[in-house]
Amino acid sequence: MQSEQRAYKGVRRVAMGGKQWEARIEYDGQSHFLGLFGTAAGAARMYDFEFDRVFGPQSTQHDLFEHCGKPVL
């Protein structure tokens, strides 16, 4: 199982006490900052939103469901 640190593409834990997650996406040859979030899943949702906006709704990038099958909000 992947660690939470590498669980989502475009998401990483930031140094601010390790309590925030940064979302970034790359397109047009540049890295674009999407924001800081309290959870890795929250940052992944923003990455997915921006991915769909930029590239079109081609596919879901992240599986944002817990093991019990309920959506992570």
Protein backbone atom coordinates (compact mmCIF):
# COMPACT_ATOMS: atom_id res chain seq x y z
CA MET A 1 0.00 0.00 0.00
CA GLN A 2 1.30 3.44 -0.88
CA SER A 3 2.03 5.90 1.88
CA GLU A 4 -0.30 8.86 2.11
CA GLN A 5 2.64 11.03 1.03
CA ARG A 6 2.56 9.50 -2.48
CA ALA A 7 -1.04 8.31 -2.63
CA TYR A 8 -2.24 11.00 -5.07
CA LYS A 9 -0.72 12.46 -8.20
CA GLY A 10 -0.10 16.20 -7.89
CA VAL A 11 -0.36 16.15 -4.08
CA ARG A 12 2.39 16.44 -1.49
CA ARG A 13 2.68 17.18 2.23
CA VAL A 14 4.17 20.61 2.85
CA ALA A 15 6.68 21.49 5.53
CA MET A 16 4.31 23.69 7.55
CA GLY A 17 4.26 21.24 10.46
CA GLY A 18 3.30 18.48 8.04
CA LYS A 19 -0.38 19.28 8.56
CA GLN A 20 -1.18 20.68 5.14
CA TRP A 21 -1.25 19.23 1.66
CA GLU A 22 -0.35 21.11 -1.51
CA ALA A 23 -1.99 20.47 -4.87
CA ARG A 24 -0.15 21.29 -8.11
CA ILE A 25 -0.73 20.42 -11.74
CA GLU A 26 1.56 20.76 -14.74
CA TYR A 27 0.45 21.92 -18.18
CA ASP A 28 1.72 24.31 -20.83
CA GLY A 29 5.23 23.55 -19.60
CA GLN A 30 4.57 25.11 -16.18
CA SER A 31 3.67 23.95 -12.69
CA HIS A 32 0.46 25.58 -11.42
CA PHE A 33 -0.21 25.93 -7.67
CA LEU A 34 -3.79 24.92 -6.80
CA GLY A 35 -3.82 25.54 -3.06
CA LEU A 36 -3.19 24.16 0.40
CA PHE A 37 -5.61 21.68 1.99
CA GLY A 38 -6.12 20.02 5.35
CA THR A 39 -6.20 16.52 3.86
CA ALA A 40 -4.53 14.69 1.00
CA ALA A 41 -7.97 13.73 -0.35
CA GLY A 42 -9.05 17.39 -0.41
CA ALA A 43 -5.95 18.32 -2.40
CA ALA A 44 -6.58 15.38 -4.76
CA ARG A 45 -10.15 16.59 -5.39
CA MET A 46 -8.80 20.00 -6.43
CA TYR A 47 -6.25 18.31 -8.71
CA ASP A 48 -9.06 16.28 -10.33
CA PHE A 49 -11.22 19.40 -10.77
CA GLU A 50 -8.38 21.28 -12.48
CA PHE A 51 -7.40 18.23 -14.56
CA ASP A 52 -10.96 18.03 -15.92
CA ARG A 53 -11.06 21.78 -16.55
CA VAL A 54 -7.76 21.82 -18.45
CA PHE A 55 -7.78 18.47 -20.23
CA GLY A 56 -11.50 17.65 -20.35
CA PRO A 57 -13.30 14.97 -18.38
CA GLN A 58 -11.21 12.10 -19.80
CA SER A 59 -10.95 10.01 -16.69
CA THR A 60 -10.94 10.23 -12.92
CA GLN A 61 -7.37 10.60 -11.71
CA HIS A 62 -7.90 9.50 -8.12
CA ASP A 63 -10.03 6.93 -6.35
CA LEU A 64 -11.50 9.10 -3.61
CA PHE A 65 -13.52 6.39 -1.88
CA GLU A 66 -12.77 4.92 1.50
CA HIS A 67 -12.63 1.16 1.93
CA CYS A 68 -16.25 1.14 3.08
CA GLY A 69 -17.36 2.58 -0.26
CA LYS A 70 -18.48 5.97 1.04
CA PRO A 71 -17.17 9.11 -0.71
CA VAL A 72 -14.48 11.05 1.11
CA LEU A 73 -15.91 14.55 1.65
